[in-house]
C-alpha atoms as a PDB file:
ATOM      1  CA  MET A   1     158.631   7.099 115.589  1.00  0.00           C
ATOM      2  CA  VAL A   2     155.979   5.310 117.996  1.00  0.00           C
ATOM      3  CA  PHE A   3     156.100   4.195 121.945  1.00  0.00           C
ATOM      4  CA  SER A   4     153.928   1.889 124.199  1.00  0.00           C
ATOM      5  CA  ILE A   5     153.110   2.429 127.798  1.00  0.00           C
ATOM      6  CA  SER A   6     152.257  -1.013 129.706  1.00  0.00           C
ATOM      7  CA  GLY A   7     151.511  -2.427 126.490  1.00  0.00           C
ATOM      8  CA  VAL A   8     149.215   0.189 125.477  1.00  0.00           C
ATOM      9  CA  LYS A   9     151.409   1.493 121.925  1.00  0.00           C
ATOM     10  CA  MET A  10     150.930   4.728 120.580  1.00  0.00           C
ATOM     11  CA  LYS A  11     150.229   6.107 117.207  1.00  0.00           C
ATOM     12  CA  ASN A  12     152.895   8.270 117.308  1.00  0.00           C
ATOM     13  CA  ASN A  13     155.318  10.095 119.991  1.00  0.00           C
ATOM     14  CA  LEU A  14     152.896  12.928 120.615  1.00  0.00           C
ATOM     15  CA  VAL A  15     151.443  14.061 123.865  1.00  0.00           C
ATOM     16  CA  LEU A  16     148.993  16.638 124.964  1.00  0.00           C
ATOM     17  CA  ALA A  17     149.807  17.974 128.827  1.00  0.00           C
ATOM     18  CA  PRO A  18     147.242  18.217 131.547  1.00  0.00           C
ATOM     19  CA  MET A  19     146.370  22.241 131.548  1.00  0.00           C
ATOM     20  CA  TYR A  20     143.883  23.602 133.989  1.00  0.00           C
ATOM     21  CA  ARG A  21     140.232  24.355 132.600  1.00  0.00           C
ATOM     22  CA  VAL A  22     141.979  23.437 129.168  1.00  0.00           C
ATOM     23  CA  THR A  23     142.087  20.180 128.508  1.00  0.00           C
ATOM     24  CA  ASP A  24     138.255  18.903 129.196  1.00  0.00           C
ATOM     25  CA  LEU A  25     136.912  16.210 127.169  1.00  0.00           C
ATOM     26  CA  ALA A  26     136.126  17.863 123.757  1.00  0.00           C
ATOM     27  CA  PHE A  27     138.911  19.884 123.686  1.00  0.00           C
ATOM     28  CA  ARG A  28     140.809  16.234 123.813  1.00  0.00           C
ATOM     29  CA  LEU A  29     138.629  15.094 121.026  1.00  0.00           C
ATOM     30  CA  LEU A  30     139.775  18.134 119.088  1.00  0.00           C
ATOM     31  CA  CYS A  31     143.427  17.622 119.146  1.00  0.00           C
ATOM     32  CA  ARG A  32     142.761  13.837 118.650  1.00  0.00           C
ATOM     33  CA  GLU A  33     141.049  14.800 115.650  1.00  0.00           C
ATOM     34  CA  GLN A  34     144.681  17.355 114.518  1.00  0.00           C
ATOM     35  CA  GLY A  35     146.763  14.062 115.315  1.00  0.00           C
ATOM     36  CA  VAL A  36     147.760  13.726 118.938  1.00  0.00           C
ATOM     37  CA  SER A  37     148.270  10.329 120.306  1.00  0.00           C
ATOM     38  CA  LEU A  38     148.054  10.137 123.649  1.00  0.00           C
ATOM     39  CA  CYS A  39     146.478  13.166 126.052  1.00  0.00           C
ATOM     40  CA  TYR A  40     145.892  13.913 129.905  1.00  0.00           C
ATOM     41  CA  SER A  41     142.975  15.056 132.138  1.00  0.00           C
ATOM     42  CA  GLU A  42     142.781  18.178 133.883  1.00  0.00           C
ATOM     43  CA  MET A  43     144.582  17.614 137.012  1.00  0.00           C
ATOM     44  CA  ILE A  44     142.031  16.815 139.800  1.00  0.00           C
ATOM     45  CA  ASN A  45     141.717  17.307 142.655  1.00  0.00           C
ATOM     46  CA  SER A  46     141.697  14.123 144.901  1.00  0.00           C
ATOM     47  CA  GLU A  47     140.021  16.289 147.700  1.00  0.00           C
ATOM     48  CA  ALA A  48     136.930  17.414 146.090  1.00  0.00           C
ATOM     49  CA  LEU A  49     136.830  13.788 144.009  1.00  0.00           C
ATOM     50  CA  ILE A  50     136.293  11.723 147.414  1.00  0.00           C
ATOM     51  CA  ARG A  51     133.545  14.889 148.415  1.00  0.00           C
ATOM     52  CA  ASN A  52     131.731  13.959 145.713  1.00  0.00           C
ATOM     53  CA  ASN A  53     132.590  17.633 144.055  1.00  0.00           C
ATOM     54  CA  LEU A  54     130.591  18.083 140.875  1.00  0.00           C
ATOM     55  CA  ALA A  55     133.295  19.944 139.528  1.00  0.00           C
ATOM     56  CA  ALA A  56     136.108  17.882 140.076  1.00  0.00           C
ATOM     57  CA  ARG A  57     133.560  14.588 138.351  1.00  0.00           C
ATOM     58  CA  ARG A  58     133.169  16.648 135.765  1.00  0.00           C
ATOM     59  CA  LEU A  59     136.652  16.904 135.001  1.00  0.00           C
ATOM     60  CA  SER A  60     136.954  13.302 135.188  1.00  0.00           C
ATOM     61  CA  GLN A  61     134.603  12.645 131.710  1.00  0.00           C
ATOM     62  CA  SER A  62     135.723  10.432 129.411  1.00  0.00           C
ATOM     63  CA  CYS A  63     134.925   8.571 126.266  1.00  0.00           C
ATOM     64  CA  LYS A  64     135.496   5.537 124.318  1.00  0.00           C
ATOM     65  CA  GLU A  65     136.605   7.699 121.821  1.00  0.00           C
ATOM     66  CA  ASP A  66     139.279   9.382 124.391  1.00  0.00           C
ATOM     67  CA  ARG A  67     141.883   6.725 124.585  1.00  0.00           C
ATOM     68  CA  PRO A  68     144.442   6.279 124.963  1.00  0.00           C
ATOM     69  CA  LEU A  69     144.158   8.394 128.312  1.00  0.00           C
ATOM     70  CA  ALA A  70     146.346   9.657 131.635  1.00  0.00           C
ATOM     71  CA  MET A  71     143.817  11.002 134.142  1.00  0.00           C
ATOM     72  CA  GLN A  72     145.804  13.221 136.399  1.00  0.00           C
ATOM     73  CA  VAL A  73     145.065  13.643 139.982  1.00  0.00           C
ATOM     74  CA  PHE A  74     146.541  16.298 142.805  1.00  0.00           C
ATOM     75  CA  GLY A  75     147.262  15.793 146.482  1.00  0.00           C
ATOM     76  CA  SER A  76     149.075  15.215 149.345  1.00  0.00           C
ATOM     77  CA  ARG A  77     147.271  12.531 151.506  1.00  0.00           C
ATOM     78  CA  VAL A  78     147.739   8.924 150.507  1.00  0.00           C
ATOM     79  CA  GLU A  79     144.333   7.956 151.800  1.00  0.00           C
ATOM     80  CA  SER A  80     142.994  10.346 149.653  1.00  0.00           C
ATOM     81  CA  MET A  81     144.745   9.998 146.606  1.00  0.00           C
ATOM     82  CA  LYS A  82     144.086   5.918 146.586  1.00  0.00           C
ATOM     83  CA  LYS A  83     140.169   6.685 147.639  1.00  0.00           C
ATOM     84  CA  ALA A  84     140.624   8.926 144.452  1.00  0.00           C
ATOM     85  CA  ALA A  85     141.964   5.968 142.915  1.00  0.00           C
ATOM     86  CA  GLU A  86     139.512   3.556 143.174  1.00  0.00           C
ATOM     87  CA  LEU A  87     136.164   5.936 142.672  1.00  0.00           C
ATOM     88  CA  LEU A  88     138.068   6.832 139.010  1.00  0.00           C
ATOM     89  CA  LEU A  89     138.312   3.582 138.237  1.00  0.00           C
ATOM     90  CA  GLU A  90     134.873   2.297 139.020  1.00  0.00           C
ATOM     91  CA  GLN A  91     133.137   5.444 137.013  1.00  0.00           C
ATOM     92  CA  ASN A  92     135.226   6.572 134.040  1.00  0.00           C
ATOM     93  CA  SER A  93     137.457   4.378 131.159  1.00  0.00           C
ATOM     94  CA  PHE A  94     140.887   5.546 130.834  1.00  0.00           C
ATOM     95  CA  ASP A  95     144.439   3.720 130.815  1.00  0.00           C
ATOM     96  CA  PHE A  96     146.527   5.221 133.089  1.00  0.00           C
ATOM     97  CA  LEU A  97     146.933   7.031 136.422  1.00  0.00           C
ATOM     98  CA  ASP A  98     148.927   9.474 136.737  1.00  0.00           C
ATOM     99  CA  LEU A  99     150.355  11.949 139.505  1.00  0.00           C
ATOM    100  CA  ASN A 100     150.923  15.716 139.477  1.00  0.00           C
ATOM    101  CA  LEU A 101     154.101  16.287 140.447  1.00  0.00           C
ATOM    102  CA  GLY A 102     155.071  19.206 138.631  1.00  0.00           C
ATOM    103  CA  CYS A 103     152.518  22.309 138.783  1.00  0.00           C
ATOM    104  CA  PRO A 104     153.807  25.411 140.464  1.00  0.00           C
ATOM    105  CA  SER A 105     150.370  27.192 141.194  1.00  0.00           C
ATOM    106  CA  ASP A 106     150.848  28.743 144.800  1.00  0.00           C
ATOM    107  CA  ASN A 107     146.830  27.289 145.234  1.00  0.00           C
ATOM    108  CA  VAL A 108     147.774  23.774 144.638  1.00  0.00           C
ATOM    109  CA  ILE A 109     151.518  24.284 146.349  1.00  0.00           C
ATOM    110  CA  ASN A 110     149.549  25.451 149.474  1.00  0.00           C
ATOM    111  CA  GLN A 111     147.761  22.096 150.052  1.00  0.00           C
ATOM    112  CA  GLY A 112     151.396  20.386 149.819  1.00  0.00           C
ATOM    113  CA  ALA A 113     150.307  18.945 146.214  1.00  0.00           C
ATOM    114  CA  GLY A 114     151.961  19.141 143.176  1.00  0.00           C
ATOM    115  CA  SER A 115     155.802  20.634 142.953  1.00  0.00           C
ATOM    116  CA  ALA A 116     155.654  21.293 146.657  1.00  0.00           C
ATOM    117  CA  LEU A 117     155.781  17.390 146.968  1.00  0.00           C
ATOM    118  CA  LEU A 118     159.239  17.195 144.937  1.00  0.00           C
ATOM    119  CA  LYS A 119     161.079  17.877 148.196  1.00  0.00           C
ATOM    120  CA  ARG A 120     158.969  14.865 150.190  1.00  0.00           C
ATOM    121  CA  PRO A 121     160.059  11.540 147.759  1.00  0.00           C
ATOM    122  CA  LYS A 122     158.813  10.021 150.758  1.00  0.00           C
ATOM    123  CA  ARG A 123     155.595  10.793 150.548  1.00  0.00           C
ATOM    124  CA  ILE A 124     155.453  10.472 146.539  1.00  0.00           C
ATOM    125  CA  SER A 125     156.606   6.512 147.125  1.00  0.00           C
ATOM    126  CA  GLU A 126     153.378   5.835 149.307  1.00  0.00           C
ATOM    127  CA  ILE A 127     151.507   7.242 146.772  1.00  0.00           C
ATOM    128  CA  LEU A 128     152.488   5.523 143.900  1.00  0.00           C
ATOM    129  CA  SER A 129     153.037   2.594 146.001  1.00  0.00           C
ATOM    130  CA  ALA A 130     148.983   2.684 146.829  1.00  0.00           C
ATOM    131  CA  TRP A 131     147.860   2.931 143.443  1.00  0.00           C
ATOM    132  CA  HIS A 132     150.105   0.314 142.254  1.00  0.00           C
ATOM    133  CA  ASP A 133     148.406  -1.932 144.460  1.00  0.00           C
ATOM    134  CA  ILE A 134     145.261  -1.410 143.165  1.00  0.00           C
ATOM    135  CA  GLY A 135     146.646  -3.116 139.743  1.00  0.00           C
ATOM    136  CA  PHE A 136     146.616  -0.163 137.719  1.00  0.00           C
ATOM    137  CA  SER A 137     148.823   0.925 135.422  1.00  0.00           C
ATOM    138  CA  THR A 138     150.463   4.459 136.759  1.00  0.00           C
ATOM    139  CA  MET A 139     152.848   7.335 135.544  1.00  0.00           C
ATOM    140  CA  ALA A 140     153.864  10.976 137.488  1.00  0.00           C
ATOM    141  CA  LYS A 141     154.746  14.173 135.745  1.00  0.00           C
ATOM    142  CA  ILE A 142     157.480  16.153 137.416  1.00  0.00           C
ATOM    143  CA  ARG A 143     159.929  19.011 136.976  1.00  0.00           C
ATOM    144  CA  ILE A 144     163.370  18.969 137.154  1.00  0.00           C
ATOM    145  CA  SER A 145     165.604  20.301 140.187  1.00  0.00           C
ATOM    146  CA  PRO A 146     168.065  22.736 140.453  1.00  0.00           C
ATOM    147  CA  ASN A 147     170.145  20.334 141.123  1.00  0.00           C
ATOM    148  CA  VAL A 148     169.967  17.775 138.120  1.00  0.00           C
ATOM    149  CA  LEU A 149     171.156  15.095 140.613  1.00  0.00           C
ATOM    150  CA  ASP A 150     168.335  15.294 142.963  1.00  0.00           C
ATOM    151  CA  SER A 151     165.662  14.770 139.741  1.00  0.00           C
ATOM    152  CA  ILE A 152     167.550  11.762 138.679  1.00  0.00           C
ATOM    153  CA  LYS A 153     167.188  10.698 142.373  1.00  0.00           C
ATOM    154  CA  LEU A 154     163.676  10.804 142.439  1.00  0.00           C
ATOM    155  CA  ALA A 155     163.197   9.402 139.103  1.00  0.00           C
ATOM    156  CA  LYS A 156     164.728   6.450 140.093  1.00  0.00           C
ATOM    157  CA  ALA A 157     162.724   6.333 143.145  1.00  0.00           C
ATOM    158  CA  ILE A 158     159.476   6.790 140.719  1.00  0.00           C
ATOM    159  CA  GLU A 159     160.116   4.068 139.085  1.00  0.00           C
ATOM    160  CA  LYS A 160     161.160   1.805 141.773  1.00  0.00           C
ATOM    161  CA  ALA A 161     157.486   2.516 143.101  1.00  0.00           C
ATOM    162  CA  GLY A 162     155.704   0.893 139.739  1.00  0.00           C
ATOM    163  CA  VAL A 163     155.264   3.487 137.837  1.00  0.00           C
ATOM    164  CA  SER A 164     155.162   2.936 133.887  1.00  0.00           C
ATOM    165  CA  CYS A 165     156.252   6.026 132.424  1.00  0.00           C
ATOM    166  CA  LEU A 166     157.373   9.088 133.232  1.00  0.00           C
ATOM    167  CA  ALA A 167     156.882  12.795 131.993  1.00  0.00           C
ATOM    168  CA  VAL A 168     159.133  15.241 132.788  1.00  0.00           C
ATOM    169  CA  HIS A 169     159.234  19.582 132.349  1.00  0.00           C
ATOM    170  CA  ALA A 170     162.067  20.618 131.896  1.00  0.00           C
ATOM    171  CA  ARG A 171     161.752  23.501 133.709  1.00  0.00           C
ATOM    172  CA  ALA A 172     162.496  24.394 137.598  1.00  0.00           C
ATOM    173  CA  VAL A 173     158.931  24.864 139.115  1.00  0.00           C
ATOM    174  CA  LYS A 174     160.094  29.175 139.759  1.00  0.00           C
ATOM    175  CA  GLN A 175     160.117  29.076 136.138  1.00  0.00           C
ATOM    176  CA  LYS A 176     156.878  28.239 135.663  1.00  0.00           C
ATOM    177  CA  ASN A 177     156.167  27.458 131.719  1.00  0.00           C
ATOM    178  CA  ARG A 178     158.618  30.516 130.782  1.00  0.00           C
ATOM    179  CA  GLY A 179     162.533  30.333 130.187  1.00  0.00           C
ATOM    180  CA  LEU A 180     165.014  27.990 128.428  1.00  0.00           C
ATOM    181  CA  VAL A 181     164.470  24.331 128.527  1.00  0.00           C
ATOM    182  CA  ASP A 182     167.195  22.339 130.485  1.00  0.00           C
ATOM    183  CA  PHE A 183     167.709  19.514 127.583  1.00  0.00           C
ATOM    184  CA  VAL A 184     170.534  18.253 129.368  1.00  0.00           C
ATOM    185  CA  ALA A 185     169.069  17.780 132.811  1.00  0.00           C
ATOM    186  CA  LEU A 186     165.980  15.662 130.590  1.00  0.00           C
ATOM    187  CA  LYS A 187     168.330  14.071 128.707  1.00  0.00           C
ATOM    188  CA  ARG A 188     170.625  12.509 132.049  1.00  0.00           C
ATOM    189  CA  ILE A 189     166.927  12.035 133.599  1.00  0.00           C
ATOM    190  CA  LYS A 190     165.940   9.730 130.604  1.00  0.00           C
ATOM    191  CA  LYS A 191     169.295   7.729 130.632  1.00  0.00           C
ATOM    192  CA  ALA A 192     169.387   7.091 134.222  1.00  0.00           C
ATOM    193  CA  VAL A 193     165.551   5.300 133.733  1.00  0.00           C
ATOM    194  CA  GLY A 194     164.435   2.059 132.160  1.00  0.00           C
ATOM    195  CA  ILE A 195     160.759   3.046 131.376  1.00  0.00           C
ATOM    196  CA  PRO A 196     159.571   5.747 128.626  1.00  0.00           C
ATOM    197  CA  VAL A 197     160.046   9.278 129.768  1.00  0.00           C
ATOM    198  CA  ILE A 198     157.993  12.067 127.820  1.00  0.00           C
ATOM    199  CA  GLY A 199     159.999  15.370 127.527  1.00  0.00           C
ATOM    200  CA  ASN A 200     158.609  18.286 127.950  1.00  0.00           C
ATOM    201  CA  GLY A 201     158.947  22.542 127.621  1.00  0.00           C
ATOM    202  CA  GLY A 202     159.207  24.654 124.916  1.00  0.00           C
ATOM    203  CA  VAL A 203     157.451  22.745 121.858  1.00  0.00           C
ATOM    204  CA  LYS A 204     155.775  24.523 119.730  1.00  0.00           C
ATOM    205  CA  ASP A 205     155.998  23.689 116.416  1.00  0.00           C
ATOM    206  CA  LYS A 206     157.761  20.910 114.273  1.00  0.00           C
ATOM    207  CA  ALA A 207     161.367  22.341 114.325  1.00  0.00           C
ATOM    208  CA  SER A 208     161.304  22.379 118.467  1.00  0.00           C
ATOM    209  CA  PHE A 209     159.373  19.440 118.738  1.00  0.00           C
ATOM    210  CA  GLU A 210     162.024  17.456 116.786  1.00  0.00           C
ATOM    211  CA  ARG A 211     164.912  19.422 118.774  1.00  0.00           C
ATOM    212  CA  LEU A 212     163.435  18.290 122.305  1.00  0.00           C
ATOM    213  CA  VAL A 213     163.145  14.582 121.187  1.00  0.00           C
ATOM    214  CA  GLU A 214     166.880  14.512 119.117  1.00  0.00           C
ATOM    215  CA  LYS A 215     168.677  16.686 122.053  1.00  0.00           C
ATOM    216  CA  SER A 216     166.965  14.766 124.938  1.00  0.00           C
ATOM    217  CA  GLY A 217     166.417  11.215 123.467  1.00  0.00           C
ATOM    218  CA  CYS A 218     162.789  11.068 124.672  1.00  0.00           C
ATOM    219  CA  ASP A 219     160.227   8.480 123.840  1.00  0.00           C
ATOM    220  CA  ALA A 220     157.956  11.455 123.281  1.00  0.00           C
ATOM    221  CA  ALA A 221     157.255  15.200 123.097  1.00  0.00           C
ATOM    222  CA  MET A 222     154.431  16.556 125.287  1.00  0.00           C
ATOM    223  CA  VAL A 223     153.127  19.863 123.999  1.00  0.00           C
ATOM    224  CA  GLY A 224     151.232  22.402 126.002  1.00  0.00           C
ATOM    225  CA  THR A 225     150.991  25.661 125.981  1.00  0.00           C
ATOM    226  CA  ALA A 226     151.274  25.774 121.639  1.00  0.00           C
ATOM    227  CA  ALA A 227     148.394  23.629 121.891  1.00  0.00           C
ATOM    228  CA  ILE A 228     145.962  26.306 123.722  1.00  0.00           C
ATOM    229  CA  GLY A 229     143.256  27.505 121.330  1.00  0.00           C
ATOM    230  CA  ASN A 230     145.461  26.236 118.704  1.00  0.00           C
ATOM    231  CA  PRO A 231     145.022  21.992 118.317  1.00  0.00           C
ATOM    232  CA  GLY A 232     145.654  22.301 114.698  1.00  0.00           C
ATOM    233  CA  VAL A 233     149.089  22.483 116.246  1.00  0.00           C
ATOM    234  CA  PHE A 234     149.684  18.673 116.564  1.00  0.00           C
ATOM    235  CA  ALA A 235     148.655  18.160 112.315  1.00  0.00           C
ATOM    236  CA  GLU A 236     151.097  21.014 112.183  1.00  0.00           C
ATOM    237  CA  ILE A 237     153.722  18.962 113.706  1.00  0.00           C
ATOM    238  CA  LEU A 238     153.000  15.872 111.700  1.00  0.00           C
ATOM    239  CA  GLY A 239     153.241  17.430 108.774  1.00  0.00           C
ATOM    240  CA  LYS A 240     149.192  18.228 107.935  1.00  0.00           C
ATOM    241  CA  LYS A 241     147.023  20.819 107.318  1.00  0.00           C
ATOM    242  CA  PRO A 242     145.681  22.327 110.285  1.00  0.00           C
ATOM    243  CA  ILE A 243     142.161  23.096 111.214  1.00  0.00           C
ATOM    244  CA  PRO A 244     141.607  26.890 110.997  1.00  0.00           C
ATOM    245  CA  ARG A 245     141.170  28.291 114.430  1.00  0.00           C
ATOM    246  CA  ASP A 246     137.210  29.345 113.776  1.00  0.00           C
ATOM    247  CA  GLU A 247     135.978  25.942 112.579  1.00  0.00           C
ATOM    248  CA  ALA A 248     138.107  24.674 115.476  1.00  0.00           C
ATOM    249  CA  PHE A 249     136.417  26.355 117.802  1.00  0.00           C
ATOM    250  CA  LEU A 250     132.716  25.363 116.435  1.00  0.00           C
ATOM    251  CA  GLU A 251     133.547  21.662 116.780  1.00  0.00           C
ATOM    252  CA  TYR A 252     134.582  22.273 120.365  1.00  0.00           C
ATOM    253  CA  LEU A 253     131.239  23.388 121.029  1.00  0.00           C
ATOM    254  CA  ALA A 254     129.447  20.978 118.903  1.00  0.00           C
ATOM    255  CA  LEU A 255     131.478  18.121 120.955  1.00  0.00           C
ATOM    256  CA  CYS A 256     130.334  20.065 124.082  1.00  0.00           C
ATOM    257  CA  GLU A 257     126.958  19.547 123.320  1.00  0.00           C
ATOM    258  CA  LYS A 258     126.959  15.771 121.921  1.00  0.00           C
ATOM    259  CA  HIS A 259     128.710  15.015 125.619  1.00  0.00           C
ATOM    260  CA  GLY A 260     127.053  17.196 127.699  1.00  0.00           C
ATOM    261  CA  ILE A 261     129.921  18.790 129.593  1.00  0.00           C
ATOM    262  CA  GLY A 262     129.375  22.122 128.250  1.00  0.00           C
ATOM    263  CA  TYR A 263     128.727  25.618 130.707  1.00  0.00           C
ATOM    264  CA  VAL A 264     128.935  28.846 129.693  1.00  0.00           C
ATOM    265  CA  GLY A 265     132.231  30.383 131.973  1.00  0.00           C
ATOM    266  CA  ARG A 266     134.493  27.412 130.596  1.00  0.00           C
ATOM    267  CA  VAL A 267     133.310  27.718 127.005  1.00  0.00           C
ATOM    268  CA  LYS A 268     133.701  31.699 127.148  1.00  0.00           C
ATOM    269  CA  GLN A 269     137.219  31.203 128.028  1.00  0.00           C
ATOM    270  CA  GLN A 270     138.233  28.520 125.188  1.00  0.00           C
ATOM    271  CA  ALA A 271     136.651  30.981 122.821  1.00  0.00           C
ATOM    272  CA  CYS A 272     138.374  33.652 124.085  1.00  0.00           C
ATOM    273  CA  ARG A 273     141.888  31.077 123.503  1.00  0.00           C
ATOM    274  CA  PHE A 274     140.698  30.447 120.404  1.00  0.00           C
ATOM    275  CA  PHE A 275     140.054  33.921 118.965  1.00  0.00           C
ATOM    276  CA  GLN A 276     143.003  35.653 120.990  1.00  0.00           C
ATOM    277  CA  GLY A 277     144.391  37.994 119.394  1.00  0.00           C
ATOM    278  CA  ASP A 278     140.618  39.518 117.882  1.00  0.00           C
ATOM    279  CA  ARG A 279     140.085  41.784 120.421  1.00  0.00           C
ATOM    280  CA  GLN A 280     136.808  42.689 118.928  1.00  0.00           C
ATOM    281  CA  ARG A 281     135.775  39.478 118.876  1.00  0.00           C
ATOM    282  CA  VAL A 282     137.073  38.416 122.517  1.00  0.00           C
ATOM    283  CA  SER A 283     135.269  41.477 124.027  1.00  0.00           C
ATOM    284  CA  LEU A 284     132.079  40.154 122.854  1.00  0.00           C
ATOM    285  CA  PHE A 285     132.544  36.661 124.216  1.00  0.00           C
ATOM    286  CA  GLU A 286     132.934  38.001 127.233  1.00  0.00           C
ATOM    287  CA  GLN A 287     130.314  39.801 127.211  1.00  0.00           C
ATOM    288  CA  ALA A 288     128.226  37.100 125.568  1.00  0.00           C
ATOM    289  CA  LYS A 289     125.003  35.745 128.920  1.00  0.00           C
ATOM    290  CA  THR A 290     124.679  31.824 127.350  1.00  0.00           C
ATOM    291  CA  ILE A 291     126.592  29.061 125.480  1.00  0.00           C
ATOM    292  CA  GLY A 292     124.271  30.149 122.523  1.00  0.00           C
ATOM    293  CA  ASP A 293     125.563  33.768 122.368  1.00  0.00           C
ATOM    294  CA  VAL A 294     129.318  32.242 121.942  1.00  0.00           C
ATOM    295  CA  SER A 295     128.089  29.713 119.323  1.00  0.00           C
ATOM    296  CA  ARG A 296     126.377  33.335 117.472  1.00  0.00           C
ATOM    297  CA  ILE A 297     129.380  35.281 118.193  1.00  0.00           C
ATOM    298  CA  ALA A 298     131.417  32.516 116.767  1.00  0.00           C
ATOM    299  CA  GLU A 299     129.162  32.220 113.878  1.00  0.00           C
ATOM    300  CA  SER A 300     128.571  35.499 112.211  1.00  0.00           C
ATOM    301  CA  TYR A 301     132.561  35.902 111.640  1.00  0.00           C
END
C-alpha cells in the first residue's frame, strides 16, 4: 500500500515519527536504508530559529538523500512561526512543513506550544493559514482529545486551513506515549476528512503495524518509540532482514561524520539507546569524553 501527499508519492506507508534528540539527519538516513518512506525532523523551536540559534539550525539540517521529509516546527506566535517557515525554506531542502500540535512535554506546553495549542483552534488555523500563504505544502500532527467530537472538529478545521496531510497520535495528552491506542477515534477522524491521515501509536512490529492500518483505515502508520536505537524495526515490518543494532550504530557514527552533525553529547545518548540492556557497555559510553571514545567502545565489542 502506497500513498501520496501533494503529489509526492511514498514508496510505502511506513513513517518515522518526529522524536526530540533522536531523529537527526544520520538517524533518518539509517532508517531510510531500512525501508521507511517518509521521515520527520526533530521538532524545531520557531523562536530559537529566528534568533539564529545554532542548535535550532542543526536540527533542520538535511541532504538530497533525506527525502521525502517533513520539517516539524513548534511555537505559538503566528509571526514567529511564519518567519521560521520562511527561514527554513531559504536554507533547507524538504517536502513539507509540519506543525507540532501533539508534544506533551511540560517545557513545550508552558510555552503555549505543542499540545497546548489543541485548546486554541483559532490560533492553529492562523498559523497554518500563514504557512499556506507562503505557497508550500503543509502538514500537522495532533493528539486525540477525550471527546472525539472535538478532535473531529479540529481535524476538519486543520483541513480547511490548507494542510495536505494530518498525522494523529491516537492517545490523549495525559497518556504521553503509554497506554491504549484509540483505534475507534482514529477511524472516525480518518472518515471525517478528505486528506491523507497517518496513524500513530503502539506500532512496534509487523503485527501491530497491520493492526493499526486495518482498524483505523489510515493511509499510513507512524513508528516512534520502537525505532529508538532500533532502525531495523522498519525492515522487520517489511518482512526483511534487519540490520543488527551494533552494526547500525557504527553506520550511524559514519553518517554523523559524513554530514558533520555529530557532537559528543548527542552521540553518547544515541549509543546508550542502541545498546540499551547492555549495562556494561552503556556505563562505558556514559563515561566517554569524545566521539572517538564512543567509537572505540562500540568497535571493541
